[in-house]
Amino acid sequence: MILTLTQLSDNYVDGLLNNDQLIKHRAKLSAIVNNAKVIKEIQLEFGSFYNYIWRFTNFKVVKNYYNDFSEIPSKSDLSNKFVKDLKKRGINFFGPVTSYSFLQAIGVIQDKIK
């Protein structure tokens, strides 16, 4: 189910807290509402979340080459910088390790094995 920002509220979080299949952590669930609002603000400021993300690399893919999977880091200067900016804007429960994985998943960071 896709929700709009107007549907995300304290009542929504209360509903999630009553769901037996979810972790019961009010702050993390409230972060869903908060983070969605922050992302919307970013979209308005930069025209899209895409533009916001890619400005960290001047719209260039970061390509890293490693000899072995064990050498691939869990975070980087880029993921730290990205998270620092997001936190300054109000994002919660999103750290550099998750950020690194996200940047890999969307193709900003491409880690390759030689």
PDB file of N, CA and C in Angstrom:
ATOM      1  N   MET A   1       0.837  -1.165   0.000  1.00  0.00           N
ATOM      2  CA  MET A   1       0.000   0.000   0.000  1.00  0.00           C
ATOM      3  C   MET A   1       0.892   1.242   0.000  1.00  0.00           C
ATOM      4  N   ILE A   2       0.631   2.180  -0.889  1.00  0.00           N
ATOM      5  CA  ILE A   2       1.371   3.430  -0.965  1.00  0.00           C
ATOM      6  C   ILE A   2       0.582   4.499  -0.226  1.00  0.00           C
ATOM      7  N   LEU A   3       1.271   5.219   0.661  1.00  0.00           N
ATOM      8  CA  LEU A   3       0.635   6.266   1.448  1.00  0.00           C
ATOM      9  C   LEU A   3       1.174   7.628   1.030  1.00  0.00           C
ATOM     10  N   THR A   4       0.351   8.636   1.150  1.00  0.00           N
ATOM     11  CA  THR A   4       0.808   9.999   0.918  1.00  0.00           C
ATOM     12  C   THR A   4       1.245  10.587   2.250  1.00  0.00           C
ATOM     13  N   LEU A   5       1.959  11.715   2.186  1.00  0.00           N
ATOM     14  CA  LEU A   5       2.411  12.344   3.416  1.00  0.00           C
ATOM     15  C   LEU A   5       1.264  12.710   4.340  1.00  0.00           C
ATOM     16  N   THR A   6       0.141  13.078   3.776  1.00  0.00           N
ATOM     17  CA  THR A   6      -0.996  13.453   4.618  1.00  0.00           C
ATOM     18  C   THR A   6      -1.565  12.263   5.373  1.00  0.00           C
ATOM     19  N   GLN A   7      -1.305  11.065   4.891  1.00  0.00           N
ATOM     20  CA  GLN A   7      -1.790   9.863   5.575  1.00  0.00           C
ATOM     21  C   GLN A   7      -0.829   9.406   6.679  1.00  0.00           C
ATOM     22  N   LEU A   8       0.386   9.939   6.680  1.00  0.00           N
ATOM     23  CA  LEU A   8       1.360   9.579   7.701  1.00  0.00           C
ATOM     24  C   LEU A   8       1.163  10.500   8.895  1.00  0.00           C
ATOM     25  N   SER A   9       0.826   9.924  10.023  1.00  0.00           N
ATOM     26  CA  SER A   9       0.534  10.721  11.209  1.00  0.00           C
ATOM     27  C   SER A   9       0.831   9.886  12.446  1.00  0.00           C
ATOM     28  N   ASP A  10       0.581  10.488  13.605  1.00  0.00           N
ATOM     29  CA  ASP A  10       0.728   9.743  14.856  1.00  0.00           C
ATOM     30  C   ASP A  10      -0.230   8.554  14.892  1.00  0.00           C
ATOM     31  N   ASN A  11      -1.412   8.702  14.310  1.00  0.00           N
ATOM     32  CA  ASN A  11      -2.361   7.582  14.254  1.00  0.00           C
ATOM     33  C   ASN A  11      -1.798   6.433  13.428  1.00  0.00           C
ATOM     34  N   TYR A  12      -1.081   6.769  12.351  1.00  0.00           N
ATOM     35  CA  TYR A  12      -0.437   5.759  11.517  1.00  0.00           C
ATOM     36  C   TYR A  12       0.597   4.998  12.355  1.00  0.00           C
ATOM     37  N   VAL A  13       1.406   5.739  13.089  1.00  0.00           N
ATOM     38  CA  VAL A  13       2.419   5.115  13.944  1.00  0.00           C
ATOM     39  C   VAL A  13       1.753   4.252  15.007  1.00  0.00           C
ATOM     40  N   ASP A  14       0.673   4.743  15.607  1.00  0.00           N
ATOM     41  CA  ASP A  14      -0.056   3.943  16.600  1.00  0.00           C
ATOM     42  C   ASP A  14      -0.529   2.633  15.991  1.00  0.00           C
ATOM     43  N   GLY A  15      -1.000   2.694  14.749  1.00  0.00           N
ATOM     44  CA  GLY A  15      -1.433   1.476  14.059  1.00  0.00           C
ATOM     45  C   GLY A  15      -0.288   0.505  13.860  1.00  0.00           C
ATOM     46  N   LEU A  16       0.875   1.040  13.518  1.00  0.00           N
ATOM     47  CA  LEU A  16       2.053   0.184  13.349  1.00  0.00           C
ATOM     48  C   LEU A  16       2.458  -0.457  14.674  1.00  0.00           C
ATOM     49  N   LEU A  17       2.356   0.290  15.746  1.00  0.00           N
ATOM     50  CA  LEU A  17       2.706  -0.249  17.063  1.00  0.00           C
ATOM     51  C   LEU A  17       1.780  -1.385  17.479  1.00  0.00           C
ATOM     52  N   ASN A  18       0.593  -1.415  16.943  1.00  0.00           N
ATOM     53  CA  ASN A  18      -0.361  -2.485  17.253  1.00  0.00           C
ATOM     54  C   ASN A  18      -0.204  -3.699  16.333  1.00  0.00           C
ATOM     55  N   ASN A  19       0.677  -3.609  15.354  1.00  0.00           N
ATOM     56  CA  ASN A  19       0.915  -4.705  14.428  1.00  0.00           C
ATOM     57  C   ASN A  19       1.915  -5.674  15.059  1.00  0.00           C
ATOM     58  N   ASP A  20       1.487  -6.898  15.314  1.00  0.00           N
ATOM     59  CA  ASP A  20       2.329  -7.893  15.977  1.00  0.00           C
ATOM     60  C   ASP A  20       3.512  -8.353  15.128  1.00  0.00           C
ATOM     61  N   GLN A  21       3.514  -8.043  13.844  1.00  0.00           N
ATOM     62  CA  GLN A  21       4.592  -8.486  12.973  1.00  0.00           C
ATOM     63  C   GLN A  21       5.729  -7.472  12.860  1.00  0.00           C
ATOM     64  N   LEU A  22       5.610  -6.338  13.537  1.00  0.00           N
ATOM     65  CA  LEU A  22       6.621  -5.292  13.476  1.00  0.00           C
ATOM     66  C   LEU A  22       7.346  -5.134  14.804  1.00  0.00           C
ATOM     67  N   ILE A  23       8.554  -4.605  14.731  1.00  0.00           N
ATOM     68  CA  ILE A  23       9.304  -4.250  15.924  1.00  0.00           C
ATOM     69  C   ILE A  23       8.596  -3.075  16.590  1.00  0.00           C
ATOM     70  N   LYS A  24       8.470  -3.117  17.872  1.00  0.00           N
ATOM     71  CA  LYS A  24       7.753  -2.069  18.605  1.00  0.00           C
ATOM     72  C   LYS A  24       8.741  -1.009  19.102  1.00  0.00           C
ATOM     73  N   HIS A  25       9.108  -0.107  18.256  1.00  0.00           N
ATOM     74  CA  HIS A  25      10.034   0.968  18.619  1.00  0.00           C
ATOM     75  C   HIS A  25       9.456   2.270  18.099  1.00  0.00           C
ATOM     76  N   ARG A  26       8.775   2.984  18.984  1.00  0.00           N
ATOM     77  CA  ARG A  26       8.040   4.190  18.570  1.00  0.00           C
ATOM     78  C   ARG A  26       8.943   5.179  17.834  1.00  0.00           C
ATOM     79  N   ALA A  27      10.150   5.408  18.319  1.00  0.00           N
ATOM     80  CA  ALA A  27      11.037   6.390  17.684  1.00  0.00           C
ATOM     81  C   ALA A  27      11.377   5.985  16.250  1.00  0.00           C
ATOM     82  N   LYS A  28      11.622   4.703  16.028  1.00  0.00           N
ATOM     83  CA  LYS A  28      11.931   4.248  14.674  1.00  0.00           C
ATOM     84  C   LYS A  28      10.710   4.347  13.775  1.00  0.00           C
ATOM     85  N   LEU A  29       9.559   4.001  14.305  1.00  0.00           N
ATOM     86  CA  LEU A  29       8.339   4.092  13.505  1.00  0.00           C
ATOM     87  C   LEU A  29       7.969   5.553  13.239  1.00  0.00           C
ATOM     88  N   SER A  30       8.180   6.418  14.210  1.00  0.00           N
ATOM     89  CA  SER A  30       7.930   7.850  14.004  1.00  0.00           C
ATOM     90  C   SER A  30       8.892   8.428  12.974  1.00  0.00           C
ATOM     91  N   ALA A  31      10.081   7.843  12.885  1.00  0.00           N
ATOM     92  CA  ALA A  31      11.058   8.297  11.900  1.00  0.00           C
ATOM     93  C   ALA A  31      10.538   8.098  10.470  1.00  0.00           C
ATOM     94  N   ILE A  32       9.670   7.112  10.266  1.00  0.00           N
ATOM     95  CA  ILE A  32       9.064   6.906   8.940  1.00  0.00           C
ATOM     96  C   ILE A  32       8.340   8.174   8.513  1.00  0.00           C
ATOM     97  N   VAL A  33       7.560   8.714   9.407  1.00  0.00           N
ATOM     98  CA  VAL A  33       6.788   9.925   9.127  1.00  0.00           C
ATOM     99  C   VAL A  33       7.729  11.106   8.940  1.00  0.00           C
ATOM    100  N   ASN A  34       8.630  11.285   9.886  1.00  0.00           N
ATOM    101  CA  ASN A  34       9.573  12.400   9.829  1.00  0.00           C
ATOM    102  C   ASN A  34      10.436  12.351   8.565  1.00  0.00           C
ATOM    103  N   ASN A  35      11.023  11.197   8.286  1.00  0.00           N
ATOM    104  CA  ASN A  35      11.936  11.078   7.153  1.00  0.00           C
ATOM    105  C   ASN A  35      11.222  11.310   5.829  1.00  0.00           C
ATOM    106  N   ALA A  36       9.981  10.874   5.730  1.00  0.00           N
ATOM    107  CA  ALA A  36       9.207  11.118   4.506  1.00  0.00           C
ATOM    108  C   ALA A  36       9.027  12.617   4.281  1.00  0.00           C
ATOM    109  N   LYS A  37       8.781  13.345   5.347  1.00  0.00           N
ATOM    110  CA  LYS A  37       8.618  14.801   5.232  1.00  0.00           C
ATOM    111  C   LYS A  37       9.930  15.470   4.834  1.00  0.00           C
ATOM    112  N   VAL A  38      11.039  15.007   5.397  1.00  0.00           N
ATOM    113  CA  VAL A  38      12.343  15.568   5.061  1.00  0.00           C
ATOM    114  C   VAL A  38      12.675  15.289   3.591  1.00  0.00           C
ATOM    115  N   ILE A  39      12.397  14.079   3.131  1.00  0.00           N
ATOM    116  CA  ILE A  39      12.657  13.738   1.720  1.00  0.00           C
ATOM    117  C   ILE A  39      11.827  14.637   0.806  1.00  0.00           C
ATOM    118  N   LYS A  40      10.592  14.885   1.180  1.00  0.00           N
ATOM    119  CA  LYS A  40       9.739  15.770   0.386  1.00  0.00           C
ATOM    120  C   LYS A  40      10.339  17.172   0.321  1.00  0.00           C
ATOM    121  N   GLU A  41      10.849  17.675   1.434  1.00  0.00           N
ATOM    122  CA  GLU A  41      11.499  18.986   1.459  1.00  0.00           C
ATOM    123  C   GLU A  41      12.729  19.012   0.552  1.00  0.00           C
ATOM    124  N   ILE A  42      13.496  17.919   0.571  1.00  0.00           N
ATOM    125  CA  ILE A  42      14.677  17.805  -0.295  1.00  0.00           C
ATOM    126  C   ILE A  42      14.245  17.829  -1.755  1.00  0.00           C
ATOM    127  N   GLN A  43      13.192  17.096  -2.080  1.00  0.00           N
ATOM    128  CA  GLN A  43      12.691  17.081  -3.460  1.00  0.00           C
ATOM    129  C   GLN A  43      12.293  18.477  -3.913  1.00  0.00           C
ATOM    130  N   LEU A  44      11.641  19.218  -3.052  1.00  0.00           N
ATOM    131  CA  LEU A  44      11.229  20.575  -3.402  1.00  0.00           C
ATOM    132  C   LEU A  44      12.440  21.489  -3.582  1.00  0.00           C
ATOM    133  N   GLU A  45      13.441  21.326  -2.737  1.00  0.00           N
ATOM    134  CA  GLU A  45      14.630  22.176  -2.809  1.00  0.00           C
ATOM    135  C   GLU A  45      15.493  21.884  -4.036  1.00  0.00           C
ATOM    136  N   PHE A  46      15.667  20.615  -4.379  1.00  0.00           N
ATOM    137  CA  PHE A  46      16.587  20.225  -5.443  1.00  0.00           C
ATOM    138  C   PHE A  46      15.896  19.787  -6.733  1.00  0.00           C
ATOM    139  N   GLY A  47      14.575  19.758  -6.736  1.00  0.00           N
ATOM    140  CA  GLY A  47      13.836  19.321  -7.914  1.00  0.00           C
ATOM    141  C   GLY A  47      13.546  17.829  -7.909  1.00  0.00           C
ATOM    142  N   SER A  48      14.384  17.050  -7.233  1.00  0.00           N
ATOM    143  CA  SER A  48      14.190  15.606  -7.093  1.00  0.00           C
ATOM    144  C   SER A  48      15.197  15.079  -6.077  1.00  0.00           C
ATOM    145  N   PHE A  49      14.890  13.919  -5.507  1.00  0.00           N
ATOM    146  CA  PHE A  49      15.845  13.286  -4.596  1.00  0.00           C
ATOM    147  C   PHE A  49      17.055  12.809  -5.394  1.00  0.00           C
ATOM    148  N   TYR A  50      16.839  12.449  -6.650  1.00  0.00           N
ATOM    149  CA  TYR A  50      17.915  12.063  -7.573  1.00  0.00           C
ATOM    150  C   TYR A  50      18.958  13.175  -7.652  1.00  0.00           C
ATOM    151  N   ASN A  51      18.504  14.402  -7.921  1.00  0.00           N
ATOM    152  CA  ASN A  51      19.433  15.533  -8.030  1.00  0.00           C
ATOM    153  C   ASN A  51      20.194  15.758  -6.730  1.00  0.00           C
ATOM    154  N   TYR A  52      19.490  15.609  -5.626  1.00  0.00           N
ATOM    155  CA  TYR A  52      20.125  15.784  -4.320  1.00  0.00           C
ATOM    156  C   TYR A  52      21.245  14.770  -4.117  1.00  0.00           C
ATOM    157  N   ILE A  53      20.962  13.508  -4.367  1.00  0.00           N
ATOM    158  CA  ILE A  53      21.953  12.449  -4.137  1.00  0.00           C
ATOM    159  C   ILE A  53      23.163  12.611  -5.047  1.00  0.00           C
ATOM    160  N   TRP A  54      22.920  12.784  -6.322  1.00  0.00           N
ATOM    161  CA  TRP A  54      24.014  12.788  -7.287  1.00  0.00           C
ATOM    162  C   TRP A  54      24.901  14.020  -7.187  1.00  0.00           C
ATOM    163  N   ARG A  55      24.438  15.077  -6.539  1.00  0.00           N
ATOM    164  CA  ARG A  55      25.293  16.259  -6.400  1.00  0.00           C
ATOM    165  C   ARG A  55      26.499  15.966  -5.516  1.00  0.00           C
ATOM    166  N   PHE A  56      26.409  14.929  -4.660  1.00  0.00           N
ATOM    167  CA  PHE A  56      27.537  14.565  -3.805  1.00  0.00           C
ATOM    168  C   PHE A  56      28.726  14.035  -4.609  1.00  0.00           C
ATOM    169  N   THR A  57      28.475  13.584  -5.835  1.00  0.00           N
ATOM    170  CA  THR A  57      29.552  13.046  -6.677  1.00  0.00           C
ATOM    171  C   THR A  57      29.673  13.809  -7.996  1.00  0.00           C
ATOM    172  N   ASN A  58      29.089  14.987  -8.061  1.00  0.00           N
ATOM    173  CA  ASN A  58      29.053  15.753  -9.317  1.00  0.00           C
ATOM    174  C   ASN A  58      28.466  14.934 -10.456  1.00  0.00           C
ATOM    175  N   PHE A  59      27.451  14.129 -10.132  1.00  0.00           N
ATOM    176  CA  PHE A  59      26.718  13.298 -11.090  1.00  0.00           C
ATOM    177  C   PHE A  59      27.619  12.264 -11.774  1.00  0.00           C
ATOM    178  N   LYS A  60      28.649  11.811 -11.050  1.00  0.00           N
ATOM    179  CA  LYS A  60      29.553  10.776 -11.570  1.00  0.00           C
ATOM    180  C   LYS A  60      29.491   9.552 -10.671  1.00  0.00           C
ATOM    181  N   VAL A  61      29.543   8.375 -11.298  1.00  0.00           N
ATOM    182  CA  VAL A  61      29.562   7.109 -10.568  1.00  0.00           C
ATOM    183  C   VAL A  61      30.915   6.955  -9.878  1.00  0.00           C
ATOM    184  N   VAL A  62      30.904   6.495  -8.643  1.00  0.00           N
ATOM    185  CA  VAL A  62      32.128   6.200  -7.905  1.00  0.00           C
ATOM    186  C   VAL A  62      32.438   4.725  -8.130  1.00  0.00           C
ATOM    187  N   LYS A  63      33.544   4.458  -8.829  1.00  0.00           N
ATOM    188  CA  LYS A  63      33.930   3.076  -9.128  1.00  0.00           C
ATOM    189  C   LYS A  63      35.120   2.691  -8.265  1.00  0.00           C
ATOM    190  N   ASN A  64      34.947   1.617  -7.526  1.00  0.00           N
ATOM    191  CA  ASN A  64      36.007   1.092  -6.667  1.00  0.00           C
ATOM    192  C   ASN A  64      36.336  -0.323  -7.107  1.00  0.00           C
ATOM    193  N   TYR A  65      37.621  -0.658  -7.105  1.00  0.00           N
ATOM    194  CA  TYR A  65      38.059  -1.987  -7.515  1.00  0.00           C
ATOM    195  C   TYR A  65      38.803  -2.643  -6.359  1.00  0.00           C
ATOM    196  N   TYR A  66      38.421  -3.877  -6.064  1.00  0.00           N
ATOM    197  CA  TYR A  66      39.013  -4.612  -4.959  1.00  0.00           C
ATOM    198  C   TYR A  66      39.454  -5.979  -5.451  1.00  0.00           C
ATOM    199  N   ASN A  67      40.388  -6.582  -4.722  1.00  0.00           N
ATOM    200  CA  ASN A  67      40.869  -7.918  -5.063  1.00  0.00           C
ATOM    201  C   ASN A  67      39.965  -9.011  -4.524  1.00  0.00           C
ATOM    202  N   ASP A  68      39.237  -8.705  -3.452  1.00  0.00           N
ATOM    203  CA  ASP A  68      38.425  -9.712  -2.780  1.00  0.00           C
ATOM    204  C   ASP A  68      37.207  -9.041  -2.153  1.00  0.00           C
ATOM    205  N   PHE A  69      36.112  -9.785  -2.020  1.00  0.00           N
ATOM    206  CA  PHE A  69      34.904  -9.251  -1.400  1.00  0.00           C
ATOM    207  C   PHE A  69      35.169  -8.726   0.013  1.00  0.00           C
ATOM    208  N   SER A  70      36.099  -9.366   0.720  1.00  0.00           N
ATOM    209  CA  SER A  70      36.380  -8.962   2.097  1.00  0.00           C
ATOM    210  C   SER A  70      36.968  -7.554   2.192  1.00  0.00           C
ATOM    211  N   GLU A  71      37.460  -7.020   1.086  1.00  0.00           N
ATOM    212  CA  GLU A  71      38.045  -5.679   1.072  1.00  0.00           C
ATOM    213  C   GLU A  71      37.000  -4.571   0.909  1.00  0.00           C
ATOM    214  N   ILE A  72      35.798  -4.939   0.485  1.00  0.00           N
ATOM    215  CA  ILE A  72      34.754  -3.924   0.265  1.00  0.00           C
ATOM    216  C   ILE A  72      34.338  -3.355   1.615  1.00  0.00           C
ATOM    217  N   PRO A  73      34.402  -2.037   1.755  1.00  0.00           N
ATOM    218  CA  PRO A  73      34.070  -1.434   3.049  1.00  0.00           C
ATOM    219  C   PRO A  73      32.569  -1.423   3.310  1.00  0.00           C
ATOM    220  N   SER A  74      32.215  -1.205   4.557  1.00  0.00           N
ATOM    221  CA  SER A  74      30.801  -1.103   4.914  1.00  0.00           C
ATOM    222  C   SER A  74      30.332   0.352   4.900  1.00  0.00           C
ATOM    223  N   LYS A  75      31.295   1.286   4.859  1.00  0.00           N
ATOM    224  CA  LYS A  75      30.975   2.711   4.778  1.00  0.00           C
ATOM    225  C   LYS A  75      32.171   3.425   4.164  1.00  0.00           C
ATOM    226  N   SER A  76      31.986   4.680   3.808  1.00  0.00           N
ATOM    227  CA  SER A  76      33.042   5.444   3.165  1.00  0.00           C
ATOM    228  C   SER A  76      32.908   6.920   3.520  1.00  0.00           C
ATOM    229  N   ASP A  77      33.860   7.710   3.069  1.00  0.00           N
ATOM    230  CA  ASP A  77      33.758   9.157   3.268  1.00  0.00           C
ATOM    231  C   ASP A  77      32.488   9.696   2.627  1.00  0.00           C
ATOM    232  N   LEU A  78      32.136   9.153   1.459  1.00  0.00           N
ATOM    233  CA  LEU A  78      30.928   9.592   0.763  1.00  0.00           C
ATOM    234  C   LEU A  78      29.669   9.258   1.577  1.00  0.00           C
ATOM    235  N   SER A  79      29.571   8.032   2.070  1.00  0.00           N
ATOM    236  CA  SER A  79      28.376   7.676   2.846  1.00  0.00           C
ATOM    237  C   SER A  79      28.306   8.479   4.146  1.00  0.00           C
ATOM    238  N   ASN A  80      29.464   8.768   4.745  1.00  0.00           N
ATOM    239  CA  ASN A  80      29.490   9.610   5.946  1.00  0.00           C
ATOM    240  C   ASN A  80      29.015  11.026   5.632  1.00  0.00           C
ATOM    241  N   LYS A  81      29.483  11.583   4.524  1.00  0.00           N
ATOM    242  CA  LYS A  81      29.098  12.935   4.119  1.00  0.00           C
ATOM    243  C   LYS A  81      27.600  13.007   3.813  1.00  0.00           C
ATOM    244  N   PHE A  82      27.093  12.005   3.116  1.00  0.00           N
ATOM    245  CA  PHE A  82      25.681  11.914   2.758  1.00  0.00           C
ATOM    246  C   PHE A  82      24.822  11.888   4.020  1.00  0.00           C
ATOM    247  N   VAL A  83      25.185  11.036   4.974  1.00  0.00           N
ATOM    248  CA  VAL A  83      24.430  10.909   6.217  1.00  0.00           C
ATOM    249  C   VAL A  83      24.506  12.193   7.039  1.00  0.00           C
ATOM    250  N   LYS A  84      25.682  12.788   7.094  1.00  0.00           N
ATOM    251  CA  LYS A  84      25.835  14.027   7.861  1.00  0.00           C
ATOM    252  C   LYS A  84      24.887  15.102   7.337  1.00  0.00           C
ATOM    253  N   ASP A  85      24.784  15.218   6.017  1.00  0.00           N
ATOM    254  CA  ASP A  85      23.888  16.209   5.425  1.00  0.00           C
ATOM    255  C   ASP A  85      22.425  15.858   5.697  1.00  0.00           C
ATOM    256  N   LEU A  86      22.077  14.588   5.556  1.00  0.00           N
ATOM    257  CA  LEU A  86      20.699  14.168   5.831  1.00  0.00           C
ATOM    258  C   LEU A  86      20.321  14.414   7.290  1.00  0.00           C
ATOM    259  N   LYS A  87      21.230  14.104   8.200  1.00  0.00           N
ATOM    260  CA  LYS A  87      20.948  14.323   9.622  1.00  0.00           C
ATOM    261  C   LYS A  87      20.768  15.814   9.913  1.00  0.00           C
ATOM    262  N   LYS A  88      21.566  16.643   9.258  1.00  0.00           N
ATOM    263  CA  LYS A  88      21.432  18.090   9.434  1.00  0.00           C
ATOM    264  C   LYS A  88      20.050  18.560   8.980  1.00  0.00           C
ATOM    265  N   ARG A  89      19.489  17.855   7.999  1.00  0.00           N
ATOM    266  CA  ARG A  89      18.163  18.188   7.486  1.00  0.00           C
ATOM    267  C   ARG A  89      17.038  17.561   8.320  1.00  0.00           C
ATOM    268  N   GLY A  90      17.395  16.651   9.236  1.00  0.00           N
ATOM    269  CA  GLY A  90      16.396  16.087  10.134  1.00  0.00           C
ATOM    270  C   GLY A  90      16.121  14.601   9.988  1.00  0.00           C
ATOM    271  N   ILE A  91      16.835  13.899   9.117  1.00  0.00           N
ATOM    272  CA  ILE A  91      16.637  12.454   8.942  1.00  0.00           C
ATOM    273  C   ILE A  91      17.087  11.715  10.204  1.00  0.00           C
ATOM    274  N   ASN A  92      16.332  10.702  10.592  1.00  0.00           N
ATOM    275  CA  ASN A  92      16.651   9.881  11.764  1.00  0.00           C
ATOM    276  C   ASN A  92      16.814   8.414  11.366  1.00  0.00           C
ATOM    277  N   PHE A  93      17.594   7.698  12.160  1.00  0.00           N
ATOM    278  CA  PHE A  93      17.788   6.251  12.009  1.00  0.00           C
ATOM    279  C   PHE A  93      18.285   5.869  10.614  1.00  0.00           C
ATOM    280  N   PHE A  94      19.278   6.590  10.133  1.00  0.00           N
ATOM    281  CA  PHE A  94      19.898   6.291   8.841  1.00  0.00           C
ATOM    282  C   PHE A  94      21.375   6.636   8.996  1.00  0.00           C
ATOM    283  N   GLY A  95      22.211   5.590   9.066  1.00  0.00           N
ATOM    284  CA  GLY A  95      23.629   5.795   9.310  1.00  0.00           C
ATOM    285  C   GLY A  95      24.494   5.516   8.103  1.00  0.00           C
ATOM    286  N   PRO A  96      25.810   5.657   8.259  1.00  0.00           N
ATOM    287  CA  PRO A  96      26.729   5.506   7.136  1.00  0.00           C
ATOM    288  C   PRO A  96      26.776   4.108   6.514  1.00  0.00           C
ATOM    289  N   VAL A  97      26.542   3.070   7.303  1.00  0.00           N
ATOM    290  CA  VAL A  97      26.555   1.709   6.735  1.00  0.00           C
ATOM    291  C   VAL A  97      25.332   1.496   5.842  1.00  0.00           C
ATOM    292  N   THR A  98      24.162   1.872   6.336  1.00  0.00           N
ATOM    293  CA  THR A  98      22.950   1.777   5.522  1.00  0.00           C
ATOM    294  C   THR A  98      23.074   2.681   4.304  1.00  0.00           C
ATOM    295  N   SER A  99      23.641   3.861   4.509  1.00  0.00           N
ATOM    296  CA  SER A  99      23.841   4.812   3.411  1.00  0.00           C
ATOM    297  C   SER A  99      24.720   4.207   2.323  1.00  0.00           C
ATOM    298  N   TYR A 100      25.807   3.561   2.721  1.00  0.00           N
ATOM    299  CA  TYR A 100      26.722   2.952   1.745  1.00  0.00           C
ATOM    300  C   TYR A 100      25.993   1.893   0.915  1.00  0.00           C
ATOM    301  N   SER A 101      25.233   1.053   1.591  1.00  0.00           N
ATOM    302  CA  SER A 101      24.472   0.018   0.886  1.00  0.00           C
ATOM    303  C   SER A 101      23.446   0.633  -0.059  1.00  0.00           C
ATOM    304  N   PHE A 102      22.785   1.692   0.388  1.00  0.00           N
ATOM    305  CA  PHE A 102      21.811   2.397  -0.443  1.00  0.00           C
ATOM    306  C   PHE A 102      22.499   2.974  -1.683  1.00  0.00           C
ATOM    307  N   LEU A 103      23.647   3.638  -1.495  1.00  0.00           N
ATOM    308  CA  LEU A 103      24.364   4.226  -2.626  1.00  0.00           C
ATOM    309  C   LEU A 103      24.849   3.152  -3.603  1.00  0.00           C
ATOM    310  N   GLN A 104      25.191   1.979  -3.093  1.00  0.00           N
ATOM    311  CA  GLN A 104      25.536   0.851  -3.965  1.00  0.00           C
ATOM    312  C   GLN A 104      24.302   0.389  -4.743  1.00  0.00           C
ATOM    313  N   ALA A 105      23.195   0.250  -4.046  1.00  0.00           N
ATOM    314  CA  ALA A 105      21.968  -0.276  -4.655  1.00  0.00           C
ATOM    315  C   ALA A 105      21.458   0.612  -5.785  1.00  0.00           C
ATOM    316  N   ILE A 106      21.629   1.926  -5.662  1.00  0.00           N
ATOM    317  CA  ILE A 106      21.128   2.815  -6.704  1.00  0.00           C
ATOM    318  C   ILE A 106      22.184   3.151  -7.756  1.00  0.00           C
ATOM    319  N   GLY A 107      23.381   2.591  -7.621  1.00  0.00           N
ATOM    320  CA  GLY A 107      24.396   2.745  -8.656  1.00  0.00           C
ATOM    321  C   GLY A 107      25.321   3.936  -8.504  1.00  0.00           C
ATOM    322  N   VAL A 108      25.223   4.668  -7.425  1.00  0.00           N
ATOM    323  CA  VAL A 108      26.143   5.784  -7.210  1.00  0.00           C
ATOM    324  C   VAL A 108      27.537   5.236  -6.924  1.00  0.00           C
ATOM    325  N   ILE A 109      27.602   4.191  -6.105  1.00  0.00           N
ATOM    326  CA  ILE A 109      28.854   3.496  -5.802  1.00  0.00           C
ATOM    327  C   ILE A 109      28.816   2.144  -6.486  1.00  0.00           C
ATOM    328  N   GLN A 110      29.864   1.856  -7.239  1.00  0.00           N
ATOM    329  CA  GLN A 110      29.984   0.542  -7.879  1.00  0.00           C
ATOM    330  C   GLN A 110      31.273  -0.104  -7.415  1.00  0.00           C
ATOM    331  N   ASP A 111      31.149  -1.082  -6.540  1.00  0.00           N
ATOM    332  CA  ASP A 111      32.310  -1.826  -6.054  1.00  0.00           C
ATOM    333  C   ASP A 111      32.475  -3.070  -6.902  1.00  0.00           C
ATOM    334  N   LYS A 112      33.664  -3.233  -7.444  1.00  0.00           N
ATOM    335  CA  LYS A 112      33.947  -4.346  -8.357  1.00  0.00           C
ATOM    336  C   LYS A 112      35.119  -5.173  -7.819  1.00  0.00           C
ATOM    337  N   ILE A 113      35.094  -6.445  -8.118  1.00  0.00           N
ATOM    338  CA  ILE A 113      36.185  -7.344  -7.806  1.00  0.00           C
ATOM    339  C   ILE A 113      37.002  -7.509  -9.076  1.00  0.00           C
ATOM    340  N   LYS A 114      38.311  -7.342  -8.951  1.00  0.00           N
ATOM    341  CA  LYS A 114      39.220  -7.452 -10.125  1.00  0.00           C
ATOM    342  C   LYS A 114      39.276  -8.870 -10.649  1.00  0.00           C
TER     343      LYS A 114
END
